[in-house]
Amino acid sequence: MLFKLFTAPFDLIIKVGEKVKEEADKELYDLTTIQNKLIQLQMMYELEEIPEEVYKNKEQELLIRYEKAKLIEMQQWEEMTKKK
């Protein structure tokens, strides 16, 4: 019982950290979010709000995130199908 009193704050910090990471990963690797950002980036470039170099760099970054998000999605589907 005494052990739980001392470890409870650490357990809570770990759980909060895991939740923050989960939410950040969702935002970082959400396919819809990435697609919307790509569209917004394209519009900014076409309206000449950003230079071509910035556009290309940001587009490359978003495409890499998109590929990783698709890979994560495929892995999740594989895990779900193995469970059945």
PDB file of N, CA and C in Angstrom:
ATOM      1  N   MET A   1       0.818  -1.189   0.000  1.00  0.00           N
ATOM      2  CA  MET A   1       0.000   0.000   0.000  1.00  0.00           C
ATOM      3  C   MET A   1       0.866   1.259   0.000  1.00  0.00           C
ATOM      4  N   LEU A   2       1.880   1.278   0.818  1.00  0.00           N
ATOM      5  CA  LEU A   2       2.783   2.421   0.883  1.00  0.00           C
ATOM      6  C   LEU A   2       3.495   2.618  -0.455  1.00  0.00           C
ATOM      7  N   PHE A   3       3.838   1.494  -1.105  1.00  0.00           N
ATOM      8  CA  PHE A   3       4.489   1.551  -2.414  1.00  0.00           C
ATOM      9  C   PHE A   3       3.600   2.262  -3.434  1.00  0.00           C
ATOM     10  N   LYS A   4       2.297   1.974  -3.404  1.00  0.00           N
ATOM     11  CA  LYS A   4       1.358   2.597  -4.343  1.00  0.00           C
ATOM     12  C   LYS A   4       1.279   4.103  -4.132  1.00  0.00           C
ATOM     13  N   LEU A   5       1.381   4.549  -2.896  1.00  0.00           N
ATOM     14  CA  LEU A   5       1.328   5.974  -2.614  1.00  0.00           C
ATOM     15  C   LEU A   5       2.498   6.721  -3.264  1.00  0.00           C
ATOM     16  N   PHE A   6       3.639   6.072  -3.284  1.00  0.00           N
ATOM     17  CA  PHE A   6       4.817   6.707  -3.862  1.00  0.00           C
ATOM     18  C   PHE A   6       4.863   6.590  -5.378  1.00  0.00           C
ATOM     19  N   THR A   7       4.352   5.513  -5.930  1.00  0.00           N
ATOM     20  CA  THR A   7       4.428   5.314  -7.378  1.00  0.00           C
ATOM     21  C   THR A   7       3.239   5.886  -8.136  1.00  0.00           C
ATOM     22  N   ALA A   8       2.155   6.198  -7.467  1.00  0.00           N
ATOM     23  CA  ALA A   8       0.955   6.705  -8.145  1.00  0.00           C
ATOM     24  C   ALA A   8       1.229   7.966  -8.978  1.00  0.00           C
ATOM     25  N   PRO A   9       1.944   8.962  -8.444  1.00  0.00           N
ATOM     26  CA  PRO A   9       2.211  10.151  -9.278  1.00  0.00           C
ATOM     27  C   PRO A   9       3.004   9.813 -10.548  1.00  0.00           C
ATOM     28  N   PHE A  10       3.933   8.884 -10.438  1.00  0.00           N
ATOM     29  CA  PHE A  10       4.726   8.500 -11.600  1.00  0.00           C
ATOM     30  C   PHE A  10       3.870   7.754 -12.621  1.00  0.00           C
ATOM     31  N   ASP A  11       2.996   6.891 -12.132  1.00  0.00           N
ATOM     32  CA  ASP A  11       2.095   6.171 -13.028  1.00  0.00           C
ATOM     33  C   ASP A  11       1.189   7.137 -13.777  1.00  0.00           C
ATOM     34  N   LEU A  12       0.711   8.151 -13.075  1.00  0.00           N
ATOM     35  CA  LEU A  12      -0.151   9.152 -13.701  1.00  0.00           C
ATOM     36  C   LEU A  12       0.609   9.939 -14.765  1.00  0.00           C
ATOM     37  N   ILE A  13       1.825  10.326 -14.470  1.00  0.00           N
ATOM     38  CA  ILE A  13       2.650  11.059 -15.434  1.00  0.00           C
ATOM     39  C   ILE A  13       2.888  10.204 -16.677  1.00  0.00           C
ATOM     40  N   ILE A  14       3.159   8.938 -16.489  1.00  0.00           N
ATOM     41  CA  ILE A  14       3.379   8.034 -17.624  1.00  0.00           C
ATOM     42  C   ILE A  14       2.119   7.914 -18.467  1.00  0.00           C
ATOM     43  N   LYS A  15       0.967   7.769 -17.822  1.00  0.00           N
ATOM     44  CA  LYS A  15      -0.290   7.648 -18.567  1.00  0.00           C
ATOM     45  C   LYS A  15      -0.603   8.925 -19.343  1.00  0.00           C
ATOM     46  N   VAL A  16      -0.370  10.071 -18.728  1.00  0.00           N
ATOM     47  CA  VAL A  16      -0.607  11.344 -19.408  1.00  0.00           C
ATOM     48  C   VAL A  16       0.341  11.479 -20.601  1.00  0.00           C
ATOM     49  N   GLY A  17       1.585  11.120 -20.402  1.00  0.00           N
ATOM     50  CA  GLY A  17       2.567  11.172 -21.492  1.00  0.00           C
ATOM     51  C   GLY A  17       2.180  10.270 -22.654  1.00  0.00           C
ATOM     52  N   GLU A  18       1.705   9.070 -22.345  1.00  0.00           N
ATOM     53  CA  GLU A  18       1.274   8.145 -23.394  1.00  0.00           C
ATOM     54  C   GLU A  18       0.088   8.715 -24.162  1.00  0.00           C
ATOM     55  N   LYS A  19      -0.841   9.342 -23.452  1.00  0.00           N
ATOM     56  CA  LYS A  19      -2.019   9.933 -24.099  1.00  0.00           C
ATOM     57  C   LYS A  19      -1.618  11.106 -24.997  1.00  0.00           C
ATOM     58  N   VAL A  20      -0.691  11.926 -24.538  1.00  0.00           N
ATOM     59  CA  VAL A  20      -0.215  13.057 -25.331  1.00  0.00           C
ATOM     60  C   VAL A  20       0.460  12.546 -26.607  1.00  0.00           C
ATOM     61  N   LYS A  21       1.274  11.505 -26.465  1.00  0.00           N
ATOM     62  CA  LYS A  21       1.942  10.921 -27.635  1.00  0.00           C
ATOM     63  C   LYS A  21       0.922  10.358 -28.609  1.00  0.00           C
ATOM     64  N   GLU A  22      -0.077   9.682 -28.093  1.00  0.00           N
ATOM     65  CA  GLU A  22      -1.122   9.103 -28.939  1.00  0.00           C
ATOM     66  C   GLU A  22      -1.848  10.193 -29.730  1.00  0.00           C
ATOM     67  N   GLU A  23      -2.187  11.294 -29.069  1.00  0.00           N
ATOM     68  CA  GLU A  23      -2.886  12.389 -29.736  1.00  0.00           C
ATOM     69  C   GLU A  23      -1.979  13.085 -30.751  1.00  0.00           C
ATOM     70  N   ALA A  24      -0.716  13.244 -30.418  1.00  0.00           N
ATOM     71  CA  ALA A  24       0.229  13.866 -31.350  1.00  0.00           C
ATOM     72  C   ALA A  24       0.410  12.995 -32.591  1.00  0.00           C
ATOM     73  N   ASP A  25       0.525  11.689 -32.388  1.00  0.00           N
ATOM     74  CA  ASP A  25       0.654  10.770 -33.522  1.00  0.00           C
ATOM     75  C   ASP A  25      -0.585  10.808 -34.403  1.00  0.00           C
ATOM     76  N   LYS A  26      -1.755  10.922 -33.768  1.00  0.00           N
ATOM     77  CA  LYS A  26      -2.997  11.021 -34.533  1.00  0.00           C
ATOM     78  C   LYS A  26      -2.968  12.243 -35.430  1.00  0.00           C
ATOM     79  N   GLU A  27      -2.547  13.364 -34.877  1.00  0.00           N
ATOM     80  CA  GLU A  27      -2.491  14.605 -35.651  1.00  0.00           C
ATOM     81  C   GLU A  27      -1.409  14.526 -36.726  1.00  0.00           C
ATOM     82  N   LEU A  28      -0.283  13.965 -36.365  1.00  0.00           N
ATOM     83  CA  LEU A  28       0.848  13.909 -37.283  1.00  0.00           C
ATOM     84  C   LEU A  28       0.609  12.935 -38.427  1.00  0.00           C
ATOM     85  N   TYR A  29      -0.076  11.832 -38.157  1.00  0.00           N
ATOM     86  CA  TYR A  29      -0.233  10.783 -39.165  1.00  0.00           C
ATOM     87  C   TYR A  29      -1.690  10.524 -39.537  1.00  0.00           C
ATOM     88  N   ASP A  30      -2.548  11.509 -39.363  1.00  0.00           N
ATOM     89  CA  ASP A  30      -3.936  11.382 -39.786  1.00  0.00           C
ATOM     90  C   ASP A  30      -4.010  11.683 -41.279  1.00  0.00           C
ATOM     91  N   LEU A  31      -4.498  10.709 -42.062  1.00  0.00           N
ATOM     92  CA  LEU A  31      -4.512  10.849 -43.512  1.00  0.00           C
ATOM     93  C   LEU A  31      -5.326  12.050 -43.983  1.00  0.00           C
ATOM     94  N   THR A  32      -6.480  12.254 -43.387  1.00  0.00           N
ATOM     95  CA  THR A  32      -7.335  13.375 -43.785  1.00  0.00           C
ATOM     96  C   THR A  32      -6.652  14.709 -43.500  1.00  0.00           C
ATOM     97  N   THR A  33      -6.017  14.821 -42.360  1.00  0.00           N
ATOM     98  CA  THR A  33      -5.307  16.049 -42.005  1.00  0.00           C
ATOM     99  C   THR A  33      -4.184  16.322 -42.996  1.00  0.00           C
ATOM    100  N   ILE A  34      -3.437  15.294 -43.331  1.00  0.00           N
ATOM    101  CA  ILE A  34      -2.326  15.462 -44.275  1.00  0.00           C
ATOM    102  C   ILE A  34      -2.849  15.869 -45.654  1.00  0.00           C
ATOM    103  N   GLN A  35      -3.921  15.223 -46.098  1.00  0.00           N
ATOM    104  CA  GLN A  35      -4.500  15.575 -47.395  1.00  0.00           C
ATOM    105  C   GLN A  35      -4.964  17.028 -47.412  1.00  0.00           C
ATOM    106  N   ASN A  36      -5.609  17.455 -46.344  1.00  0.00           N
ATOM    107  CA  ASN A  36      -6.060  18.846 -46.263  1.00  0.00           C
ATOM    108  C   ASN A  36      -4.890  19.826 -46.283  1.00  0.00           C
ATOM    109  N   LYS A  37      -3.817  19.460 -45.603  1.00  0.00           N
ATOM    110  CA  LYS A  37      -2.637  20.332 -45.594  1.00  0.00           C
ATOM    111  C   LYS A  37      -1.988  20.391 -46.973  1.00  0.00           C
ATOM    112  N   LEU A  38      -2.007  19.284 -47.693  1.00  0.00           N
ATOM    113  CA  LEU A  38      -1.474  19.287 -49.058  1.00  0.00           C
ATOM    114  C   LEU A  38      -2.305  20.192 -49.967  1.00  0.00           C
ATOM    115  N   ILE A  39      -3.612  20.127 -49.827  1.00  0.00           N
ATOM    116  CA  ILE A  39      -4.497  20.985 -50.626  1.00  0.00           C
ATOM    117  C   ILE A  39      -4.256  22.453 -50.294  1.00  0.00           C
ATOM    118  N   GLN A  40      -4.174  22.751 -49.000  1.00  0.00           N
ATOM    119  CA  GLN A  40      -3.937  24.129 -48.563  1.00  0.00           C
ATOM    120  C   GLN A  40      -2.587  24.630 -49.082  1.00  0.00           C
ATOM    121  N   LEU A  41      -1.582  23.785 -49.026  1.00  0.00           N
ATOM    122  CA  LEU A  41      -0.256  24.149 -49.508  1.00  0.00           C
ATOM    123  C   LEU A  41      -0.296  24.445 -51.008  1.00  0.00           C
ATOM    124  N   GLN A  42      -0.988  23.601 -51.763  1.00  0.00           N
ATOM    125  CA  GLN A  42      -1.123  23.804 -53.201  1.00  0.00           C
ATOM    126  C   GLN A  42      -1.801  25.143 -53.505  1.00  0.00           C
ATOM    127  N   MET A  43      -2.845  25.440 -52.759  1.00  0.00           N
ATOM    128  CA  MET A  43      -3.558  26.707 -52.973  1.00  0.00           C
ATOM    129  C   MET A  43      -2.660  27.901 -52.653  1.00  0.00           C
ATOM    130  N   MET A  44      -1.901  27.810 -51.574  1.00  0.00           N
ATOM    131  CA  MET A  44      -0.999  28.893 -51.208  1.00  0.00           C
ATOM    132  C   MET A  44       0.043  29.119 -52.294  1.00  0.00           C
ATOM    133  N   TYR A  45       0.534  28.033 -52.865  1.00  0.00           N
ATOM    134  CA  TYR A  45       1.527  28.149 -53.933  1.00  0.00           C
ATOM    135  C   TYR A  45       0.910  28.769 -55.187  1.00  0.00           C
ATOM    136  N   GLU A  46      -0.271  28.293 -55.563  1.00  0.00           N
ATOM    137  CA  GLU A  46      -0.931  28.812 -56.759  1.00  0.00           C
ATOM    138  C   GLU A  46      -1.313  30.287 -56.618  1.00  0.00           C
ATOM    139  N   LEU A  47      -1.613  30.708 -55.416  1.00  0.00           N
ATOM    140  CA  LEU A  47      -1.930  32.118 -55.168  1.00  0.00           C
ATOM    141  C   LEU A  47      -0.670  32.954 -54.929  1.00  0.00           C
ATOM    142  N   GLU A  48       0.479  32.316 -55.095  1.00  0.00           N
ATOM    143  CA  GLU A  48       1.790  32.954 -54.934  1.00  0.00           C
ATOM    144  C   GLU A  48       2.000  33.537 -53.543  1.00  0.00           C
ATOM    145  N   GLU A  49       1.452  32.847 -52.540  1.00  0.00           N
ATOM    146  CA  GLU A  49       1.656  33.264 -51.154  1.00  0.00           C
ATOM    147  C   GLU A  49       2.961  32.712 -50.593  1.00  0.00           C
ATOM    148  N   ILE A  50       3.449  31.649 -51.226  1.00  0.00           N
ATOM    149  CA  ILE A  50       4.717  31.056 -50.808  1.00  0.00           C
ATOM    150  C   ILE A  50       5.571  30.802 -52.057  1.00  0.00           C
ATOM    151  N   PRO A  51       6.898  30.876 -51.915  1.00  0.00           N
ATOM    152  CA  PRO A  51       7.765  30.603 -53.067  1.00  0.00           C
ATOM    153  C   PRO A  51       7.820  29.096 -53.378  1.00  0.00           C
ATOM    154  N   GLU A  52       8.283  28.793 -54.578  1.00  0.00           N
ATOM    155  CA  GLU A  52       8.324  27.402 -55.038  1.00  0.00           C
ATOM    156  C   GLU A  52       9.187  26.527 -54.133  1.00  0.00           C
ATOM    157  N   GLU A  53      10.307  27.043 -53.683  1.00  0.00           N
ATOM    158  CA  GLU A  53      11.210  26.248 -52.838  1.00  0.00           C
ATOM    159  C   GLU A  53      10.522  25.835 -51.529  1.00  0.00           C
ATOM    160  N   VAL A  54       9.824  26.762 -50.899  1.00  0.00           N
ATOM    161  CA  VAL A  54       9.091  26.464 -49.666  1.00  0.00           C
ATOM    162  C   VAL A  54       8.009  25.430 -49.953  1.00  0.00           C
ATOM    163  N   TYR A  55       7.322  25.633 -51.067  1.00  0.00           N
ATOM    164  CA  TYR A  55       6.262  24.694 -51.472  1.00  0.00           C
ATOM    165  C   TYR A  55       6.815  23.280 -51.632  1.00  0.00           C
ATOM    166  N   LYS A  56       7.902  23.165 -52.374  1.00  0.00           N
ATOM    167  CA  LYS A  56       8.470  21.834 -52.634  1.00  0.00           C
ATOM    168  C   LYS A  56       8.950  21.168 -51.351  1.00  0.00           C
ATOM    169  N   ASN A  57       9.596  21.922 -50.473  1.00  0.00           N
ATOM    170  CA  ASN A  57      10.088  21.357 -49.212  1.00  0.00           C
ATOM    171  C   ASN A  57       8.939  20.866 -48.337  1.00  0.00           C
ATOM    172  N   LYS A  58       7.923  21.708 -48.189  1.00  0.00           N
ATOM    173  CA  LYS A  58       6.771  21.348 -47.348  1.00  0.00           C
ATOM    174  C   LYS A  58       5.995  20.197 -47.964  1.00  0.00           C
ATOM    175  N   GLU A  59       5.856  20.206 -49.294  1.00  0.00           N
ATOM    176  CA  GLU A  59       5.158  19.115 -49.975  1.00  0.00           C
ATOM    177  C   GLU A  59       5.874  17.792 -49.742  1.00  0.00           C
ATOM    178  N   GLN A  60       7.192  17.812 -49.851  1.00  0.00           N
ATOM    179  CA  GLN A  60       7.976  16.594 -49.628  1.00  0.00           C
ATOM    180  C   GLN A  60       7.782  16.074 -48.200  1.00  0.00           C
ATOM    181  N   GLU A  61       7.807  16.984 -47.245  1.00  0.00           N
ATOM    182  CA  GLU A  61       7.597  16.608 -45.841  1.00  0.00           C
ATOM    183  C   GLU A  61       6.216  15.972 -45.645  1.00  0.00           C
ATOM    184  N   LEU A  62       5.194  16.580 -46.231  1.00  0.00           N
ATOM    185  CA  LEU A  62       3.832  16.054 -46.090  1.00  0.00           C
ATOM    186  C   LEU A  62       3.672  14.710 -46.795  1.00  0.00           C
ATOM    187  N   LEU A  63       4.319  14.545 -47.939  1.00  0.00           N
ATOM    188  CA  LEU A  63       4.227  13.274 -48.660  1.00  0.00           C
ATOM    189  C   LEU A  63       4.909  12.136 -47.883  1.00  0.00           C
ATOM    190  N   ILE A  64       5.998  12.452 -47.225  1.00  0.00           N
ATOM    191  CA  ILE A  64       6.674  11.448 -46.389  1.00  0.00           C
ATOM    192  C   ILE A  64       5.758  11.051 -45.226  1.00  0.00           C
ATOM    193  N   ARG A  65       5.131  12.043 -44.600  1.00  0.00           N
ATOM    194  CA  ARG A  65       4.183  11.748 -43.513  1.00  0.00           C
ATOM    195  C   ARG A  65       3.007  10.932 -44.024  1.00  0.00           C
ATOM    196  N   TYR A  66       2.542  11.231 -45.240  1.00  0.00           N
ATOM    197  CA  TYR A  66       1.419  10.505 -45.823  1.00  0.00           C
ATOM    198  C   TYR A  66       1.795   9.037 -46.046  1.00  0.00           C
ATOM    199  N   GLU A  67       2.985   8.811 -46.584  1.00  0.00           N
ATOM    200  CA  GLU A  67       3.443   7.430 -46.799  1.00  0.00           C
ATOM    201  C   GLU A  67       3.533   6.670 -45.478  1.00  0.00           C
ATOM    202  N   LYS A  68       4.067   7.318 -44.466  1.00  0.00           N
ATOM    203  CA  LYS A  68       4.176   6.674 -43.153  1.00  0.00           C
ATOM    204  C   LYS A  68       2.784   6.389 -42.587  1.00  0.00           C
ATOM    205  N   ALA A  69       1.863   7.318 -42.755  1.00  0.00           N
ATOM    206  CA  ALA A  69       0.495   7.126 -42.266  1.00  0.00           C
ATOM    207  C   ALA A  69      -0.174   5.958 -42.970  1.00  0.00           C
ATOM    208  N   LYS A  70       0.044   5.829 -44.279  1.00  0.00           N
ATOM    209  CA  LYS A  70      -0.522   4.702 -45.025  1.00  0.00           C
ATOM    210  C   LYS A  70       0.085   3.390 -44.542  1.00  0.00           C
ATOM    211  N   LEU A  71       1.372   3.392 -44.263  1.00  0.00           N
ATOM    212  CA  LEU A  71       2.040   2.190 -43.757  1.00  0.00           C
ATOM    213  C   LEU A  71       1.466   1.796 -42.397  1.00  0.00           C
ATOM    214  N   ILE A  72       1.265   2.775 -41.528  1.00  0.00           N
ATOM    215  CA  ILE A  72       0.679   2.509 -40.211  1.00  0.00           C
ATOM    216  C   ILE A  72      -0.724   1.947 -40.375  1.00  0.00           C
ATOM    217  N   GLU A  73      -1.497   2.530 -41.285  1.00  0.00           N
ATOM    218  CA  GLU A  73      -2.855   2.044 -41.536  1.00  0.00           C
ATOM    219  C   GLU A  73      -2.849   0.595 -42.021  1.00  0.00           C
ATOM    220  N   MET A  74      -1.931   0.279 -42.925  1.00  0.00           N
ATOM    221  CA  MET A  74      -1.838  -1.088 -43.437  1.00  0.00           C
ATOM    222  C   MET A  74      -1.446  -2.066 -42.329  1.00  0.00           C
ATOM    223  N   GLN A  75      -0.528  -1.668 -41.471  1.00  0.00           N
ATOM    224  CA  GLN A  75      -0.120  -2.520 -40.356  1.00  0.00           C
ATOM    225  C   GLN A  75      -1.276  -2.762 -39.400  1.00  0.00           C
ATOM    226  N   GLN A  76      -2.067  -1.727 -39.160  1.00  0.00           N
ATOM    227  CA  GLN A  76      -3.228  -1.882 -38.279  1.00  0.00           C
ATOM    228  C   GLN A  76      -4.242  -2.838 -38.892  1.00  0.00           C
ATOM    229  N   TRP A  77      -4.464  -2.753 -40.197  1.00  0.00           N
ATOM    230  CA  TRP A  77      -5.386  -3.673 -40.873  1.00  0.00           C
ATOM    231  C   TRP A  77      -4.872  -5.108 -40.786  1.00  0.00           C
ATOM    232  N   GLU A  78      -3.566  -5.286 -40.962  1.00  0.00           N
ATOM    233  CA  GLU A  78      -2.988  -6.630 -40.869  1.00  0.00           C
ATOM    234  C   GLU A  78      -3.175  -7.212 -39.471  1.00  0.00           C
ATOM    235  N   GLU A  79      -2.963  -6.384 -38.457  1.00  0.00           N
ATOM    236  CA  GLU A  79      -3.132  -6.839 -37.076  1.00  0.00           C
ATOM    237  C   GLU A  79      -4.584  -7.226 -36.818  1.00  0.00           C
ATOM    238  N   MET A  80      -5.513  -6.432 -37.350  1.00  0.00           N
ATOM    239  CA  MET A  80      -6.936  -6.723 -37.144  1.00  0.00           C
ATOM    240  C   MET A  80      -7.336  -8.014 -37.838  1.00  0.00           C
ATOM    241  N   THR A  81      -6.807  -8.266 -39.023  1.00  0.00           N
ATOM    242  CA  THR A  81      -7.177  -9.475 -39.748  1.00  0.00           C
ATOM    243  C   THR A  81      -6.553 -10.722 -39.127  1.00  0.00           C
ATOM    244  N   LYS A  82      -5.392 -10.569 -38.498  1.00  0.00           N
ATOM    245  CA  LYS A  82      -4.751 -11.719 -37.832  1.00  0.00           C
ATOM    246  C   LYS A  82      -5.519 -12.144 -36.597  1.00  0.00           C
ATOM    247  N   LYS A  83      -6.156 -11.194 -35.929  1.00  0.00           N
ATOM    248  CA  LYS A  83      -6.899 -11.506 -34.705  1.00  0.00           C
ATOM    249  C   LYS A  83      -8.137 -12.338 -34.979  1.00  0.00           C
ATOM    250  N   LYS A  84      -8.685 -12.220 -36.179  1.00  0.00           N
ATOM    251  CA  LYS A  84      -9.915 -12.931 -36.482  1.00  0.00           C
ATOM    252  C   LYS A  84      -9.696 -14.362 -36.830  1.00  0.00           C
TER     253      LYS A  84
END
